[in-house]
PDB file of all heavy atoms in Angstrom:
ATOM      1  N   PRO A   1       0.830  -1.199   0.000  1.00  0.00           N
ATOM      2  CA  PRO A   1       0.000   0.000   0.000  1.00  0.00           C
ATOM      3  C   PRO A   1       0.862   1.245   0.000  1.00  0.00           C
ATOM      4  O   PRO A   1       1.896   1.296   0.676  1.00  0.00           O
ATOM      5  CB  PRO A   1      -0.799  -0.119   1.312  1.00  0.00           C
ATOM      6  CG  PRO A   1      -0.740  -1.572   1.673  1.00  0.00           C
ATOM      7  CD  PRO A   1       0.596  -2.031   1.214  1.00  0.00           C
ATOM      8  N   TRP A   2       0.457   2.242  -0.757  1.00  0.00           N
ATOM      9  CA  TRP A   2       1.213   3.486  -0.800  1.00  0.00           C
ATOM     10  C   TRP A   2       1.339   4.107   0.583  1.00  0.00           C
ATOM     11  O   TRP A   2       2.399   4.636   0.941  1.00  0.00           O
ATOM     12  CB  TRP A   2       0.564   4.483  -1.764  1.00  0.00           C
ATOM     13  CG  TRP A   2       1.383   5.717  -1.936  1.00  0.00           C
ATOM     14  CD1 TRP A   2       1.337   6.855  -1.199  1.00  0.00           C
ATOM     15  CD2 TRP A   2       2.401   5.917  -2.927  1.00  0.00           C
ATOM     16  NE1 TRP A   2       2.261   7.755  -1.651  1.00  0.00           N
ATOM     17  CE2 TRP A   2       2.933   7.207  -2.721  1.00  0.00           C
ATOM     18  CE3 TRP A   2       2.912   5.134  -3.962  1.00  0.00           C
ATOM     19  CZ2 TRP A   2       3.946   7.729  -3.511  1.00  0.00           C
ATOM     20  CZ3 TRP A   2       3.925   5.650  -4.747  1.00  0.00           C
ATOM     21  CH2 TRP A   2       4.428   6.930  -4.521  1.00  0.00           C
ATOM     22  N   SER A   3       0.267   4.040   1.354  1.00  0.00           N
ATOM     23  CA  SER A   3       0.249   4.658   2.671  1.00  0.00           C
ATOM     24  C   SER A   3       0.943   3.823   3.732  1.00  0.00           C
ATOM     25  O   SER A   3       1.028   4.241   4.890  1.00  0.00           O
ATOM     26  CB  SER A   3      -1.190   4.935   3.105  1.00  0.00           C
ATOM     27  OG  SER A   3      -1.950   3.743   3.137  1.00  0.00           O
ATOM     28  N   GLY A   4       1.425   2.668   3.361  1.00  0.00           N
ATOM     29  CA  GLY A   4       2.104   1.801   4.299  1.00  0.00           C
ATOM     30  C   GLY A   4       1.233   0.640   4.731  1.00  0.00           C
ATOM     31  O   GLY A   4       0.014   0.746   4.779  1.00  0.00           O
ATOM     32  N   GLY A   5       1.869  -0.454   5.016  1.00  0.00           N
ATOM     33  CA  GLY A   5       1.158  -1.638   5.433  1.00  0.00           C
ATOM     34  C   GLY A   5       1.895  -2.888   5.024  1.00  0.00           C
ATOM     35  O   GLY A   5       3.089  -2.864   4.740  1.00  0.00           O
ATOM     36  N   THR A   6       1.159  -3.964   4.970  1.00  0.00           N
ATOM     37  CA  THR A   6       1.734  -5.268   4.694  1.00  0.00           C
ATOM     38  C   THR A   6       2.172  -5.378   3.246  1.00  0.00           C
ATOM     39  O   THR A   6       1.426  -5.053   2.333  1.00  0.00           O
ATOM     40  CB  THR A   6       0.724  -6.370   5.014  1.00  0.00           C
ATOM     41  OG1 THR A   6       0.312  -6.267   6.375  1.00  0.00           O
ATOM     42  CG2 THR A   6       1.344  -7.743   4.789  1.00  0.00           C
ATOM     43  N   THR A   7       3.384  -5.844   3.059  1.00  0.00           N
ATOM     44  CA  THR A   7       3.895  -6.097   1.721  1.00  0.00           C
ATOM     45  C   THR A   7       3.610  -7.525   1.311  1.00  0.00           C
ATOM     46  O   THR A   7       3.432  -8.411   2.145  1.00  0.00           O
ATOM     47  CB  THR A   7       5.402  -5.829   1.642  1.00  0.00           C
ATOM     48  OG1 THR A   7       6.077  -6.638   2.614  1.00  0.00           O
ATOM     49  CG2 THR A   7       5.703  -4.366   1.911  1.00  0.00           C
ATOM     50  N   TYR A   8       3.571  -7.733   0.022  1.00  0.00           N
ATOM     51  CA  TYR A   8       3.363  -9.061  -0.532  1.00  0.00           C
ATOM     52  C   TYR A   8       4.483  -9.373  -1.508  1.00  0.00           C
ATOM     53  O   TYR A   8       4.908  -8.509  -2.275  1.00  0.00           O
ATOM     54  CB  TYR A   8       2.023  -9.149  -1.268  1.00  0.00           C
ATOM     55  CG  TYR A   8       1.920 -10.357  -2.163  1.00  0.00           C
ATOM     56  CD1 TYR A   8       1.541 -11.594  -1.647  1.00  0.00           C
ATOM     57  CD2 TYR A   8       2.238 -10.275  -3.512  1.00  0.00           C
ATOM     58  CE1 TYR A   8       1.471 -12.705  -2.459  1.00  0.00           C
ATOM     59  CE2 TYR A   8       2.168 -11.388  -4.328  1.00  0.00           C
ATOM     60  CZ  TYR A   8       1.785 -12.603  -3.795  1.00  0.00           C
ATOM     61  OH  TYR A   8       1.724 -13.704  -4.604  1.00  0.00           O
ATOM     62  N   TYR A   9       4.943 -10.620  -1.481  1.00  0.00           N
ATOM     63  CA  TYR A   9       5.911 -11.112  -2.446  1.00  0.00           C
ATOM     64  C   TYR A   9       5.495 -12.489  -2.923  1.00  0.00           C
ATOM     65  O   TYR A   9       5.070 -13.324  -2.115  1.00  0.00           O
ATOM     66  CB  TYR A   9       7.311 -11.219  -1.845  1.00  0.00           C
ATOM     67  CG  TYR A   9       7.875  -9.910  -1.348  1.00  0.00           C
ATOM     68  CD1 TYR A   9       7.766  -9.546  -0.013  1.00  0.00           C
ATOM     69  CD2 TYR A   9       8.513  -9.043  -2.225  1.00  0.00           C
ATOM     70  CE1 TYR A   9       8.275  -8.345   0.439  1.00  0.00           C
ATOM     71  CE2 TYR A   9       9.026  -7.842  -1.778  1.00  0.00           C
ATOM     72  CZ  TYR A   9       8.906  -7.497  -0.446  1.00  0.00           C
ATOM     73  OH  TYR A   9       9.416  -6.303   0.002  1.00  0.00           O
ATOM     74  N   THR A  10       5.617 -12.706  -4.196  1.00  0.00           N
ATOM     75  CA  THR A  10       5.395 -14.047  -4.696  1.00  0.00           C
ATOM     76  C   THR A  10       6.526 -14.948  -4.209  1.00  0.00           C
ATOM     77  O   THR A  10       7.645 -14.496  -3.963  1.00  0.00           O
ATOM     78  CB  THR A  10       5.292 -14.046  -6.231  1.00  0.00           C
ATOM     79  OG1 THR A  10       4.805 -15.311  -6.676  1.00  0.00           O
ATOM     80  CG2 THR A  10       6.641 -13.775  -6.870  1.00  0.00           C
ATOM     81  N   ASP A  11       6.224 -16.223  -4.046  1.00  0.00           N
ATOM     82  CA  ASP A  11       7.163 -17.135  -3.403  1.00  0.00           C
ATOM     83  C   ASP A  11       8.536 -17.156  -4.073  1.00  0.00           C
ATOM     84  O   ASP A  11       9.566 -17.279  -3.401  1.00  0.00           O
ATOM     85  CB  ASP A  11       6.593 -18.554  -3.380  1.00  0.00           C
ATOM     86  CG  ASP A  11       5.485 -18.730  -2.364  1.00  0.00           C
ATOM     87  OD1 ASP A  11       5.337 -17.858  -1.487  1.00  0.00           O
ATOM     88  OD2 ASP A  11       4.768 -19.743  -2.448  1.00  0.00           O
ATOM     89  N   SER A  12       8.566 -17.037  -5.373  1.00  0.00           N
ATOM     90  CA  SER A  12       9.815 -17.182  -6.100  1.00  0.00           C
ATOM     91  C   SER A  12      10.808 -16.053  -5.858  1.00  0.00           C
ATOM     92  O   SER A  12      11.989 -16.191  -6.180  1.00  0.00           O
ATOM     93  CB  SER A  12       9.541 -17.311  -7.602  1.00  0.00           C
ATOM     94  OG  SER A  12       8.927 -16.142  -8.105  1.00  0.00           O
ATOM     95  N   VAL A  13      10.353 -14.934  -5.287  1.00  0.00           N
ATOM     96  CA  VAL A  13      11.247 -13.805  -5.066  1.00  0.00           C
ATOM     97  C   VAL A  13      11.450 -13.485  -3.599  1.00  0.00           C
ATOM     98  O   VAL A  13      12.239 -12.585  -3.268  1.00  0.00           O
ATOM     99  CB  VAL A  13      10.766 -12.538  -5.805  1.00  0.00           C
ATOM    100  CG1 VAL A  13      10.487 -12.846  -7.268  1.00  0.00           C
ATOM    101  CG2 VAL A  13       9.536 -11.941  -5.133  1.00  0.00           C
ATOM    102  N   LYS A  14      10.784 -14.199  -2.713  1.00  0.00           N
ATOM    103  CA  LYS A  14      10.913 -13.924  -1.294  1.00  0.00           C
ATOM    104  C   LYS A  14      12.359 -14.068  -0.843  1.00  0.00           C
ATOM    105  O   LYS A  14      13.036 -15.032  -1.177  1.00  0.00           O
ATOM    106  CB  LYS A  14      10.012 -14.862  -0.485  1.00  0.00           C
ATOM    107  CG  LYS A  14       8.542 -14.537  -0.575  1.00  0.00           C
ATOM    108  CD  LYS A  14       7.703 -15.501   0.258  1.00  0.00           C
ATOM    109  CE  LYS A  14       6.234 -15.141   0.181  1.00  0.00           C
ATOM    110  NZ  LYS A  14       5.377 -16.101   0.921  1.00  0.00           N
ATOM    111  N   GLY A  15      12.809 -13.094  -0.084  1.00  0.00           N
ATOM    112  CA  GLY A  15      14.179 -13.083   0.393  1.00  0.00           C
ATOM    113  C   GLY A  15      15.161 -12.470  -0.567  1.00  0.00           C
ATOM    114  O   GLY A  15      16.312 -12.227  -0.191  1.00  0.00           O
ATOM    115  N   ARG A  16      14.742 -12.213  -1.791  1.00  0.00           N
ATOM    116  CA  ARG A  16      15.629 -11.636  -2.801  1.00  0.00           C
ATOM    117  C   ARG A  16      15.195 -10.241  -3.245  1.00  0.00           C
ATOM    118  O   ARG A  16      16.042  -9.402  -3.540  1.00  0.00           O
ATOM    119  CB  ARG A  16      15.715 -12.544  -4.028  1.00  0.00           C
ATOM    120  CG  ARG A  16      16.231 -13.939  -3.727  1.00  0.00           C
ATOM    121  CD  ARG A  16      16.484 -14.723  -5.008  1.00  0.00           C
ATOM    122  NE  ARG A  16      15.253 -14.935  -5.778  1.00  0.00           N
ATOM    123  CZ  ARG A  16      15.056 -14.508  -7.019  1.00  0.00           C
ATOM    124  NH1 ARG A  16      16.015 -13.843  -7.645  1.00  0.00           N
ATOM    125  NH2 ARG A  16      13.913 -14.753  -7.643  1.00  0.00           N
ATOM    126  N   PHE A  17      13.894 -10.016  -3.316  1.00  0.00           N
ATOM    127  CA  PHE A  17      13.358  -8.743  -3.790  1.00  0.00           C
ATOM    128  C   PHE A  17      12.766  -7.967  -2.630  1.00  0.00           C
ATOM    129  O   PHE A  17      12.222  -8.548  -1.680  1.00  0.00           O
ATOM    130  CB  PHE A  17      12.254  -8.965  -4.829  1.00  0.00           C
ATOM    131  CG  PHE A  17      12.721  -9.489  -6.154  1.00  0.00           C
ATOM    132  CD1 PHE A  17      14.004  -9.971  -6.343  1.00  0.00           C
ATOM    133  CD2 PHE A  17      11.840  -9.500  -7.230  1.00  0.00           C
ATOM    134  CE1 PHE A  17      14.419 -10.462  -7.575  1.00  0.00           C
ATOM    135  CE2 PHE A  17      12.235  -9.984  -8.463  1.00  0.00           C
ATOM    136  CZ  PHE A  17      13.523 -10.466  -8.637  1.00  0.00           C
ATOM    137  N   THR A  18      12.829  -6.647  -2.719  1.00  0.00           N
ATOM    138  CA  THR A  18      12.240  -5.775  -1.722  1.00  0.00           C
ATOM    139  C   THR A  18      11.529  -4.620  -2.409  1.00  0.00           C
ATOM    140  O   THR A  18      12.128  -3.914  -3.221  1.00  0.00           O
ATOM    141  CB  THR A  18      13.296  -5.217  -0.760  1.00  0.00           C
ATOM    142  OG1 THR A  18      14.009  -6.285  -0.137  1.00  0.00           O
ATOM    143  CG2 THR A  18      12.630  -4.370   0.322  1.00  0.00           C
ATOM    144  N   ILE A  19      10.260  -4.429  -2.078  1.00  0.00           N
ATOM    145  CA  ILE A  19       9.519  -3.290  -2.590  1.00  0.00           C
ATOM    146  C   ILE A  19       9.543  -2.191  -1.537  1.00  0.00           C
ATOM    147  O   ILE A  19       9.421  -2.454  -0.335  1.00  0.00           O
ATOM    148  CB  ILE A  19       8.070  -3.673  -2.973  1.00  0.00           C
ATOM    149  CG1 ILE A  19       7.369  -2.520  -3.692  1.00  0.00           C
ATOM    150  CG2 ILE A  19       7.275  -4.137  -1.761  1.00  0.00           C
ATOM    151  CD1 ILE A  19       6.037  -2.916  -4.318  1.00  0.00           C
ATOM    152  N   SER A  20       9.721  -0.968  -1.977  1.00  0.00           N
ATOM    153  CA  SER A  20       9.763   0.166  -1.073  1.00  0.00           C
ATOM    154  C   SER A  20       9.238   1.399  -1.794  1.00  0.00           C
ATOM    155  O   SER A  20       8.951   1.360  -2.992  1.00  0.00           O
ATOM    156  CB  SER A  20      11.182   0.405  -0.545  1.00  0.00           C
ATOM    157  OG  SER A  20      12.075   0.715  -1.597  1.00  0.00           O
ATOM    158  N   ARG A  21       9.126   2.489  -1.067  1.00  0.00           N
ATOM    159  CA  ARG A  21       8.600   3.712  -1.651  1.00  0.00           C
ATOM    160  C   ARG A  21       9.267   4.926  -1.034  1.00  0.00           C
ATOM    161  O   ARG A  21       9.772   4.872   0.087  1.00  0.00           O
ATOM    162  CB  ARG A  21       7.082   3.799  -1.447  1.00  0.00           C
ATOM    163  CG  ARG A  21       6.679   3.879   0.016  1.00  0.00           C
ATOM    164  CD  ARG A  21       5.220   3.530   0.232  1.00  0.00           C
ATOM    165  NE  ARG A  21       4.880   3.647   1.650  1.00  0.00           N
ATOM    166  CZ  ARG A  21       5.121   2.714   2.551  1.00  0.00           C
ATOM    167  NH1 ARG A  21       5.708   1.572   2.190  1.00  0.00           N
ATOM    168  NH2 ARG A  21       4.787   2.900   3.820  1.00  0.00           N
ATOM    169  N   ASP A  22       9.261   6.011  -1.778  1.00  0.00           N
ATOM    170  CA  ASP A  22       9.746   7.299  -1.316  1.00  0.00           C
ATOM    171  C   ASP A  22       8.617   8.282  -1.559  1.00  0.00           C
ATOM    172  O   ASP A  22       8.391   8.710  -2.693  1.00  0.00           O
ATOM    173  CB  ASP A  22      11.013   7.704  -2.063  1.00  0.00           C
ATOM    174  CG  ASP A  22      11.637   8.977  -1.517  1.00  0.00           C
ATOM    175  OD1 ASP A  22      10.905   9.842  -1.000  1.00  0.00           O
ATOM    176  OD2 ASP A  22      12.863   9.122  -1.619  1.00  0.00           O
ATOM    177  N   ASN A  23       7.900   8.626  -0.512  1.00  0.00           N
ATOM    178  CA  ASN A  23       6.726   9.477  -0.653  1.00  0.00           C
ATOM    179  C   ASN A  23       7.068  10.860  -1.212  1.00  0.00           C
ATOM    180  O   ASN A  23       6.313  11.419  -2.005  1.00  0.00           O
ATOM    181  CB  ASN A  23       6.013   9.633   0.688  1.00  0.00           C
ATOM    182  CG  ASN A  23       5.359   8.353   1.154  1.00  0.00           C
ATOM    183  OD1 ASN A  23       5.253   7.389   0.405  1.00  0.00           O
ATOM    184  ND2 ASN A  23       4.910   8.338   2.400  1.00  0.00           N
ATOM    185  N   ALA A  24       8.197  11.405  -0.795  1.00  0.00           N
ATOM    186  CA  ALA A  24       8.593  12.727  -1.251  1.00  0.00           C
ATOM    187  C   ALA A  24       8.841  12.760  -2.751  1.00  0.00           C
ATOM    188  O   ALA A  24       8.626  13.779  -3.405  1.00  0.00           O
ATOM    189  CB  ALA A  24       9.834  13.204  -0.501  1.00  0.00           C
ATOM    190  N   LYS A  25       9.296  11.652  -3.295  1.00  0.00           N
ATOM    191  CA  LYS A  25       9.590  11.580  -4.719  1.00  0.00           C
ATOM    192  C   LYS A  25       8.480  10.919  -5.519  1.00  0.00           C
ATOM    193  O   LYS A  25       8.598  10.799  -6.743  1.00  0.00           O
ATOM    194  CB  LYS A  25      10.893  10.819  -4.949  1.00  0.00           C
ATOM    195  CG  LYS A  25      12.116  11.499  -4.364  1.00  0.00           C
ATOM    196  CD  LYS A  25      13.378  10.697  -4.662  1.00  0.00           C
ATOM    197  CE  LYS A  25      14.605  11.393  -4.111  1.00  0.00           C
ATOM    198  NZ  LYS A  25      15.844  10.619  -4.389  1.00  0.00           N
ATOM    199  N   ASN A  26       7.408  10.496  -4.845  1.00  0.00           N
ATOM    200  CA  ASN A  26       6.325   9.773  -5.504  1.00  0.00           C
ATOM    201  C   ASN A  26       6.860   8.612  -6.335  1.00  0.00           C
ATOM    202  O   ASN A  26       6.470   8.411  -7.491  1.00  0.00           O
ATOM    203  CB  ASN A  26       5.496  10.712  -6.376  1.00  0.00           C
ATOM    204  CG  ASN A  26       4.174  11.092  -5.736  1.00  0.00           C
ATOM    205  OD1 ASN A  26       4.075  11.227  -4.512  1.00  0.00           O
ATOM    206  ND2 ASN A  26       3.148  11.274  -6.551  1.00  0.00           N
ATOM    207  N   THR A  27       7.737   7.855  -5.730  1.00  0.00           N
ATOM    208  CA  THR A  27       8.424   6.796  -6.440  1.00  0.00           C
ATOM    209  C   THR A  27       8.369   5.494  -5.654  1.00  0.00           C
ATOM    210  O   THR A  27       8.528   5.493  -4.429  1.00  0.00           O
ATOM    211  CB  THR A  27       9.887   7.177  -6.700  1.00  0.00           C
ATOM    212  OG1 THR A  27       9.933   8.381  -7.478  1.00  0.00           O
ATOM    213  CG2 THR A  27      10.614   6.079  -7.454  1.00  0.00           C
ATOM    214  N   VAL A  28       8.131   4.420  -6.371  1.00  0.00           N
ATOM    215  CA  VAL A  28       8.145   3.073  -5.813  1.00  0.00           C
ATOM    216  C   VAL A  28       9.330   2.331  -6.407  1.00  0.00           C
ATOM    217  O   VAL A  28       9.632   2.477  -7.600  1.00  0.00           O
ATOM    218  CB  VAL A  28       6.836   2.329  -6.115  1.00  0.00           C
ATOM    219  CG1 VAL A  28       6.880   0.913  -5.553  1.00  0.00           C
ATOM    220  CG2 VAL A  28       5.656   3.083  -5.529  1.00  0.00           C
ATOM    221  N   TYR A  29       9.996   1.550  -5.583  1.00  0.00           N
ATOM    222  CA  TYR A  29      11.191   0.839  -6.007  1.00  0.00           C
ATOM    223  C   TYR A  29      11.004  -0.668  -5.872  1.00  0.00           C
ATOM    224  O   TYR A  29      10.220  -1.155  -5.064  1.00  0.00           O
ATOM    225  CB  TYR A  29      12.398   1.248  -5.162  1.00  0.00           C
ATOM    226  CG  TYR A  29      12.680   2.722  -5.163  1.00  0.00           C
ATOM    227  CD1 TYR A  29      12.217   3.542  -4.135  1.00  0.00           C
ATOM    228  CD2 TYR A  29      13.416   3.308  -6.190  1.00  0.00           C
ATOM    229  CE1 TYR A  29      12.473   4.897  -4.133  1.00  0.00           C
ATOM    230  CE2 TYR A  29      13.675   4.665  -6.194  1.00  0.00           C
ATOM    231  CZ  TYR A  29      13.206   5.457  -5.162  1.00  0.00           C
ATOM    232  OH  TYR A  29      13.470   6.807  -5.167  1.00  0.00           O
ATOM    233  N   LEU A  30      11.744  -1.382  -6.664  1.00  0.00           N
ATOM    234  CA  LEU A  30      11.879  -2.817  -6.496  1.00  0.00           C
ATOM    235  C   LEU A  30      13.363  -3.143  -6.525  1.00  0.00           C
ATOM    236  O   LEU A  30      13.996  -3.087  -7.579  1.00  0.00           O
ATOM    237  CB  LEU A  30      11.143  -3.595  -7.586  1.00  0.00           C
ATOM    238  CG  LEU A  30      11.137  -5.114  -7.404  1.00  0.00           C
ATOM    239  CD1 LEU A  30      10.296  -5.503  -6.183  1.00  0.00           C
ATOM    240  CD2 LEU A  30      10.622  -5.820  -8.647  1.00  0.00           C
ATOM    241  N   GLN A  31      13.905  -3.437  -5.361  1.00  0.00           N
ATOM    242  CA  GLN A  31      15.289  -3.857  -5.260  1.00  0.00           C
ATOM    243  C   GLN A  31      15.354  -5.352  -5.513  1.00  0.00           C
ATOM    244  O   GLN A  31      14.701  -6.129  -4.814  1.00  0.00           O
ATOM    245  CB  GLN A  31      15.853  -3.531  -3.881  1.00  0.00           C
ATOM    246  CG  GLN A  31      17.294  -3.967  -3.672  1.00  0.00           C
ATOM    247  CD  GLN A  31      18.267  -3.205  -4.533  1.00  0.00           C
ATOM    248  OE1 GLN A  31      18.196  -1.991  -4.627  1.00  0.00           O
ATOM    249  NE2 GLN A  31      19.179  -3.923  -5.189  1.00  0.00           N
ATOM    250  N   MET A  32      16.126  -5.751  -6.498  1.00  0.00           N
ATOM    251  CA  MET A  32      16.217  -7.141  -6.894  1.00  0.00           C
ATOM    252  C   MET A  32      17.649  -7.612  -6.697  1.00  0.00           C
ATOM    253  O   MET A  32      18.564  -7.134  -7.374  1.00  0.00           O
ATOM    254  CB  MET A  32      15.788  -7.322  -8.350  1.00  0.00           C
ATOM    255  CG  MET A  32      14.392  -6.784  -8.647  1.00  0.00           C
ATOM    256  SD  MET A  32      13.847  -7.145 -10.332  1.00  0.00           S
ATOM    257  CE  MET A  32      15.037  -6.175 -11.255  1.00  0.00           C
ATOM    258  N   ASN A  33      17.832  -8.528  -5.777  1.00  0.00           N
ATOM    259  CA  ASN A  33      19.138  -9.099  -5.486  1.00  0.00           C
ATOM    260  C   ASN A  33      19.158 -10.575  -5.855  1.00  0.00           C
ATOM    261  O   ASN A  33      18.118 -11.213  -6.011  1.00  0.00           O
ATOM    262  CB  ASN A  33      19.482  -8.937  -4.004  1.00  0.00           C
ATOM    263  CG  ASN A  33      19.572  -7.499  -3.564  1.00  0.00           C
ATOM    264  OD1 ASN A  33      19.994  -6.625  -4.326  1.00  0.00           O
ATOM    265  ND2 ASN A  33      19.189  -7.229  -2.316  1.00  0.00           N
ATOM    266  N   SER A  34      20.357 -11.108  -5.967  1.00  0.00           N
ATOM    267  CA  SER A  34      20.540 -12.530  -6.290  1.00  0.00           C
ATOM    268  C   SER A  34      19.698 -12.939  -7.482  1.00  0.00           C
ATOM    269  O   SER A  34      18.994 -13.952  -7.467  1.00  0.00           O
ATOM    270  CB  SER A  34      20.196 -13.391  -5.067  1.00  0.00           C
ATOM    271  OG  SER A  34      20.998 -13.056  -3.954  1.00  0.00           O
ATOM    272  N   LEU A  35      19.790 -12.164  -8.528  1.00  0.00           N
ATOM    273  CA  LEU A  35      18.954 -12.389  -9.698  1.00  0.00           C
ATOM    274  C   LEU A  35      19.274 -13.714 -10.371  1.00  0.00           C
ATOM    275  O   LEU A  35      20.427 -14.149 -10.413  1.00  0.00           O
ATOM    276  CB  LEU A  35      19.115 -11.243 -10.688  1.00  0.00           C
ATOM    277  CG  LEU A  35      18.350  -9.972 -10.300  1.00  0.00           C
ATOM    278  CD1 LEU A  35      18.890  -8.770 -11.053  1.00  0.00           C
ATOM    279  CD2 LEU A  35      16.857 -10.154 -10.571  1.00  0.00           C
ATOM    280  N   LYS A  36      18.235 -14.327 -10.893  1.00  0.00           N
ATOM    281  CA  LYS A  36      18.320 -15.602 -11.571  1.00  0.00           C
ATOM    282  C   LYS A  36      17.842 -15.446 -13.006  1.00  0.00           C
ATOM    283  O   LYS A  36      17.040 -14.561 -13.299  1.00  0.00           O
ATOM    284  CB  LYS A  36      17.462 -16.648 -10.856  1.00  0.00           C
ATOM    285  CG  LYS A  36      17.777 -16.833  -9.385  1.00  0.00           C
ATOM    286  CD  LYS A  36      16.787 -17.785  -8.735  1.00  0.00           C
ATOM    287  CE  LYS A  36      17.081 -17.958  -7.259  1.00  0.00           C
ATOM    288  NZ  LYS A  36      16.098 -18.870  -6.604  1.00  0.00           N
ATOM    289  N   PRO A  37      18.288 -16.313 -13.907  1.00  0.00           N
ATOM    290  CA  PRO A  37      17.804 -16.230 -15.288  1.00  0.00           C
ATOM    291  C   PRO A  37      16.284 -16.271 -15.400  1.00  0.00           C
ATOM    292  O   PRO A  37      15.719 -15.623 -16.287  1.00  0.00           O
ATOM    293  CB  PRO A  37      18.453 -17.447 -15.957  1.00  0.00           C
ATOM    294  CG  PRO A  37      19.721 -17.641 -15.197  1.00  0.00           C
ATOM    295  CD  PRO A  37      19.374 -17.307 -13.774  1.00  0.00           C
ATOM    296  N   GLU A  38      15.627 -16.999 -14.512  1.00  0.00           N
ATOM    297  CA  GLU A  38      14.178 -17.075 -14.557  1.00  0.00           C
ATOM    298  C   GLU A  38      13.488 -15.779 -14.144  1.00  0.00           C
ATOM    299  O   GLU A  38      12.266 -15.655 -14.266  1.00  0.00           O
ATOM    300  CB  GLU A  38      13.656 -18.237 -13.690  1.00  0.00           C
ATOM    301  CG  GLU A  38      14.199 -18.249 -12.273  1.00  0.00           C
ATOM    302  CD  GLU A  38      15.377 -19.190 -12.113  1.00  0.00           C
ATOM    303  OE1 GLU A  38      16.266 -19.195 -12.985  1.00  0.00           O
ATOM    304  OE2 GLU A  38      15.412 -19.934 -11.109  1.00  0.00           O
ATOM    305  N   ASP A  39      14.252 -14.802 -13.657  1.00  0.00           N
ATOM    306  CA  ASP A  39      13.700 -13.485 -13.380  1.00  0.00           C
ATOM    307  C   ASP A  39      13.593 -12.633 -14.639  1.00  0.00           C
ATOM    308  O   ASP A  39      13.022 -11.539 -14.592  1.00  0.00           O
ATOM    309  CB  ASP A  39      14.552 -12.742 -12.349  1.00  0.00           C
ATOM    310  CG  ASP A  39      14.542 -13.414 -10.987  1.00  0.00           C
ATOM    311  OD1 ASP A  39      13.471 -13.861 -10.544  1.00  0.00           O
ATOM    312  OD2 ASP A  39      15.621 -13.474 -10.361  1.00  0.00           O
ATOM    313  N   THR A  40      14.138 -13.101 -15.729  1.00  0.00           N
ATOM    314  CA  THR A  40      14.093 -12.362 -16.984  1.00  0.00           C
ATOM    315  C   THR A  40      12.650 -12.138 -17.418  1.00  0.00           C
ATOM    316  O   THR A  40      11.872 -13.078 -17.543  1.00  0.00           O
ATOM    317  CB  THR A  40      14.856 -13.110 -18.079  1.00  0.00           C
ATOM    318  OG1 THR A  40      16.238 -13.179 -17.728  1.00  0.00           O
ATOM    319  CG2 THR A  40      14.714 -12.397 -19.416  1.00  0.00           C
ATOM    320  N   ALA A  41      12.293 -10.886 -17.628  1.00  0.00           N
ATOM    321  CA  ALA A  41      10.924 -10.526 -17.979  1.00  0.00           C
ATOM    322  C   ALA A  41      10.860  -9.027 -18.204  1.00  0.00           C
ATOM    323  O   ALA A  41      11.808  -8.292 -17.923  1.00  0.00           O
ATOM    324  CB  ALA A  41       9.949 -10.928 -16.866  1.00  0.00           C
ATOM    325  N   ILE A  42       9.727  -8.580 -18.707  1.00  0.00           N
ATOM    326  CA  ILE A  42       9.412  -7.167 -18.677  1.00  0.00           C
ATOM    327  C   ILE A  42       8.706  -6.897 -17.359  1.00  0.00           C
ATOM    328  O   ILE A  42       7.747  -7.585 -17.013  1.00  0.00           O
ATOM    329  CB  ILE A  42       8.514  -6.747 -19.853  1.00  0.00           C
ATOM    330  CG1 ILE A  42       9.205  -7.050 -21.181  1.00  0.00           C
ATOM    331  CG2 ILE A  42       8.186  -5.262 -19.774  1.00  0.00           C
ATOM    332  CD1 ILE A  42       8.329  -6.783 -22.392  1.00  0.00           C
ATOM    333  N   TYR A  43       9.188  -5.912 -16.641  1.00  0.00           N
ATOM    334  CA  TYR A  43       8.636  -5.564 -15.340  1.00  0.00           C
ATOM    335  C   TYR A  43       7.787  -4.308 -15.464  1.00  0.00           C
ATOM    336  O   TYR A  43       8.223  -3.307 -16.039  1.00  0.00           O
ATOM    337  CB  TYR A  43       9.754  -5.356 -14.317  1.00  0.00           C
ATOM    338  CG  TYR A  43      10.354  -6.649 -13.831  1.00  0.00           C
ATOM    339  CD1 TYR A  43      11.157  -7.411 -14.664  1.00  0.00           C
ATOM    340  CD2 TYR A  43      10.100  -7.118 -12.545  1.00  0.00           C
ATOM    341  CE1 TYR A  43      11.687  -8.613 -14.232  1.00  0.00           C
ATOM    342  CE2 TYR A  43      10.638  -8.314 -12.101  1.00  0.00           C
ATOM    343  CZ  TYR A  43      11.429  -9.057 -12.948  1.00  0.00           C
ATOM    344  OH  TYR A  43      11.961 -10.253 -12.510  1.00  0.00           O
ATOM    345  N   TYR A  44       6.581  -4.386 -14.912  1.00  0.00           N
ATOM    346  CA  TYR A  44       5.614  -3.307 -15.013  1.00  0.00           C
ATOM    347  C   TYR A  44       5.255  -2.775 -13.637  1.00  0.00           C
ATOM    348  O   TYR A  44       5.034  -3.542 -12.703  1.00  0.00           O
ATOM    349  CB  TYR A  44       4.323  -3.786 -15.677  1.00  0.00           C
ATOM    350  CG  TYR A  44       4.482  -4.267 -17.094  1.00  0.00           C
ATOM    351  CD1 TYR A  44       4.763  -5.602 -17.359  1.00  0.00           C
ATOM    352  CD2 TYR A  44       4.333  -3.396 -18.160  1.00  0.00           C
ATOM    353  CE1 TYR A  44       4.902  -6.058 -18.661  1.00  0.00           C
ATOM    354  CE2 TYR A  44       4.467  -3.840 -19.459  1.00  0.00           C
ATOM    355  CZ  TYR A  44       4.751  -5.175 -19.702  1.00  0.00           C
ATOM    356  OH  TYR A  44       4.879  -5.622 -20.993  1.00  0.00           O
ATOM    357  N   CYS A  45       5.155  -1.470 -13.542  1.00  0.00           N
ATOM    358  CA  CYS A  45       4.643  -0.826 -12.351  1.00  0.00           C
ATOM    359  C   CYS A  45       3.125  -0.732 -12.443  1.00  0.00           C
ATOM    360  O   CYS A  45       2.573  -0.471 -13.519  1.00  0.00           O
ATOM    361  CB  CYS A  45       5.251   0.569 -12.211  1.00  0.00           C
ATOM    362  SG  CYS A  45       4.763   1.460 -10.723  1.00  0.00           S
ATOM    363  N   ASN A  46       2.466  -0.943 -11.330  1.00  0.00           N
ATOM    364  CA  ASN A  46       1.005  -0.938 -11.289  1.00  0.00           C
ATOM    365  C   ASN A  46       0.509  -0.162 -10.080  1.00  0.00           C
ATOM    366  O   ASN A  46       1.090  -0.246  -8.999  1.00  0.00           O
ATOM    367  CB  ASN A  46       0.480  -2.374 -11.228  1.00  0.00           C
ATOM    368  CG  ASN A  46      -1.006  -2.449 -10.909  1.00  0.00           C
ATOM    369  OD1 ASN A  46      -1.398  -2.545  -9.741  1.00  0.00           O
ATOM    370  ND2 ASN A  46      -1.831  -2.418 -11.946  1.00  0.00           N
TER     371      ASN A  46
END
């Protein structure tokens, strides 16, 4: 949630990806660590 709350991650990215936000910049981030070939995709913000 933009206003804060519980985050959700699909099982395949748990422990590797982190979603966060910067309210001042109106920006949402997805930090992706330990990337795997199966992470290859087009990523969309929603």
